[in-house]
Each structure stands twice: as structure tokens, then as C-alpha cells.
Amino acid sequence: GREDFRQFLNFFSPLEEERNEKKDFIDDSLSNHRIDYFHFA
């Protein structure tokens, strides 16, 4: 579910200072590789 995915993102962004930068990177990955991410959804 969405909460599991949020925890998945937090695994890659354990530090508050890094979250915005990592989130931008992940958002770019989501738009560039959307099918890959939906495969794991």
C-alpha cells in the first residue's frame, strides 16, 4: 500500500536533510521508469 511505499522511500532517505534531494531523484525515476515502479506496486 501507499504507507509501505512511503517506508520504502524512507529506507533510501533515512536522514531528514537528504529527503528533499532524494525525493526529487525518486520522482524523476518514477516519471522515467514508471512501469518498473508499478511492477513492484
N, C-alpha and C. Protein backbone atom coordinates (compact mmCIF):
# COMPACT_ATOMS: atom_id res chain seq x y z
N GLY A 1 0.83 -1.20 0.00
CA GLY A 1 0.00 0.00 0.00
C GLY A 1 0.87 1.25 0.00
N ARG A 2 0.20 2.41 0.05
CA ARG A 2 0.93 3.67 0.00
C ARG A 2 1.87 3.81 1.19
N GLU A 3 1.45 3.40 2.37
CA GLU A 3 2.32 3.52 3.54
C GLU A 3 3.56 2.65 3.38
N ASP A 4 3.39 1.46 2.84
CA ASP A 4 4.56 0.61 2.60
C ASP A 4 5.52 1.29 1.64
N PHE A 5 4.97 1.94 0.60
CA PHE A 5 5.82 2.62 -0.37
C PHE A 5 6.53 3.80 0.29
N ARG A 6 5.84 4.51 1.20
CA ARG A 6 6.48 5.61 1.92
C ARG A 6 7.64 5.07 2.75
N GLN A 7 7.46 3.92 3.39
CA GLN A 7 8.54 3.33 4.17
C GLN A 7 9.68 2.92 3.25
N PHE A 8 9.33 2.43 2.05
CA PHE A 8 10.34 2.08 1.05
C PHE A 8 11.16 3.30 0.67
N LEU A 9 10.48 4.44 0.45
CA LEU A 9 11.20 5.67 0.13
C LEU A 9 12.06 6.10 1.31
N ASN A 10 11.52 5.98 2.53
CA ASN A 10 12.27 6.41 3.72
C ASN A 10 13.51 5.55 3.92
N PHE A 11 13.47 4.30 3.47
CA PHE A 11 14.65 3.44 3.56
C PHE A 11 15.81 4.05 2.78
N PHE A 12 15.50 4.69 1.65
CA PHE A 12 16.54 5.32 0.85
C PHE A 12 16.82 6.75 1.29
N SER A 13 15.99 7.30 2.17
CA SER A 13 16.16 8.68 2.64
C SER A 13 16.09 8.71 4.16
N PRO A 14 17.04 8.08 4.85
CA PRO A 14 16.96 7.96 6.30
C PRO A 14 17.18 9.27 7.03
N LEU A 15 17.81 10.23 6.37
CA LEU A 15 18.11 11.50 7.04
C LEU A 15 17.20 12.59 6.51
N GLU A 16 16.65 13.39 7.44
CA GLU A 16 15.73 14.45 7.04
C GLU A 16 16.36 15.38 6.02
N GLU A 17 17.66 15.70 6.21
CA GLU A 17 18.32 16.66 5.33
C GLU A 17 18.37 16.14 3.90
N GLU A 18 18.38 14.83 3.74
CA GLU A 18 18.55 14.25 2.41
C GLU A 18 17.22 14.01 1.71
N ARG A 19 16.11 14.08 2.45
CA ARG A 19 14.85 13.60 1.88
C ARG A 19 14.41 14.40 0.67
N ASN A 20 14.54 15.73 0.72
CA ASN A 20 14.08 16.53 -0.42
C ASN A 20 14.88 16.19 -1.67
N GLU A 21 16.20 16.10 -1.52
CA GLU A 21 17.03 15.79 -2.68
C GLU A 21 16.72 14.39 -3.20
N LYS A 22 16.64 13.42 -2.29
CA LYS A 22 16.35 12.05 -2.70
C LYS A 22 14.95 11.97 -3.31
N LYS A 23 13.99 12.73 -2.73
CA LYS A 23 12.63 12.68 -3.27
C LYS A 23 12.61 13.18 -4.70
N ASP A 24 13.36 14.26 -4.98
CA ASP A 24 13.42 14.77 -6.35
C ASP A 24 14.00 13.69 -7.28
N PHE A 25 15.03 13.00 -6.82
CA PHE A 25 15.64 11.94 -7.61
C PHE A 25 14.65 10.82 -7.87
N ILE A 26 13.92 10.42 -6.80
CA ILE A 26 12.95 9.34 -6.93
C ILE A 26 11.80 9.76 -7.83
N ASP A 27 11.34 11.01 -7.69
CA ASP A 27 10.26 11.49 -8.56
C ASP A 27 10.69 11.44 -10.01
N ASP A 28 11.93 11.83 -10.30
CA ASP A 28 12.44 11.75 -11.67
C ASP A 28 12.46 10.29 -12.13
N SER A 29 12.87 9.39 -11.25
CA SER A 29 12.91 7.98 -11.61
C SER A 29 11.51 7.46 -11.87
N LEU A 30 10.54 7.91 -11.06
CA LEU A 30 9.17 7.47 -11.25
C LEU A 30 8.65 7.89 -12.62
N SER A 31 8.96 9.12 -13.05
CA SER A 31 8.46 9.56 -14.34
C SER A 31 9.23 8.91 -15.48
N ASN A 32 10.49 8.57 -15.24
CA ASN A 32 11.31 8.00 -16.31
C ASN A 32 11.15 6.48 -16.41
N HIS A 33 10.79 5.83 -15.28
CA HIS A 33 10.72 4.37 -15.25
C HIS A 33 9.43 3.95 -14.55
N ARG A 34 8.34 4.60 -14.92
CA ARG A 34 7.08 4.39 -14.21
C ARG A 34 6.68 2.93 -14.21
N ILE A 35 6.86 2.25 -15.35
CA ILE A 35 6.42 0.86 -15.45
C ILE A 35 7.21 -0.01 -14.46
N ASP A 36 8.51 0.27 -14.31
CA ASP A 36 9.32 -0.51 -13.38
C ASP A 36 8.78 -0.39 -11.97
N TYR A 37 8.37 0.83 -11.57
CA TYR A 37 7.87 1.03 -10.22
C TYR A 37 6.49 0.42 -10.03
N PHE A 38 5.63 0.55 -11.04
CA PHE A 38 4.30 -0.04 -10.91
C PHE A 38 4.39 -1.56 -10.87
N HIS A 39 5.42 -2.13 -11.45
CA HIS A 39 5.61 -3.57 -11.41
C HIS A 39 5.75 -4.04 -9.96
N PHE A 40 6.36 -3.22 -9.11
CA PHE A 40 6.56 -3.60 -7.71
C PHE A 40 5.40 -3.17 -6.82
N ALA A 41 4.48 -2.38 -7.35
CA ALA A 41 3.36 -1.87 -6.54
C ALA A 41 2.40 -3.00 -6.18
